[in-house]
Amino acid sequence: YGEITVNGEILKARKLISPADRIILSNVCPTIPHKISIDELLNLGLKPFSAMTSLRISITLQEFSHILSFERQIIVNPDNIEIPESLVINYDDIPYRIFSTRNNMNCFICKTTGHLATNCPYVPEMTRKQTQMPTSPKILV
């Protein structure tokens, strides 16, 4: 990436941000070891930057905070590799269909990335306001 000289010393430059993607795998049975899922990603040509972790369920009650969801996450170097929407992983002679998504904002109206449905440029403003959920309940007296 080049180099600069400061007070007679040559300093090599490097990227400020390394390209990395967060991949979320859904529908992963908790009995499937992380290594099996990571091996599938390696077969696709992805290089892991982090360890794979299981995601917890979204619940606020403390007594259920230990319960894991059927989702896992990992940070990978994408190298412009197309990640399939689903994979079939065989574990203990049972095929499991796993779904993969990148950590992108996806619009469910126009099916493009980069914005959410609430800000879709292809939907008229009036329609968008009608489909939004209220932020707080109204109390009638």
Foldseek 3Di string as FASTA:
>chain_A
DDWDADPNDIDDDDDPDADKWKKKKAQAPPVDDQVQVVVVVVVLVKAFPDGKDFAQDDDDDPVRRVHTHRMIITMIRCPVGDDDQWDWGADPNDTTIMGMDIPFAADPPVGDTDHYVLPDPVDDPVVSVVPDDDPDDDDDD
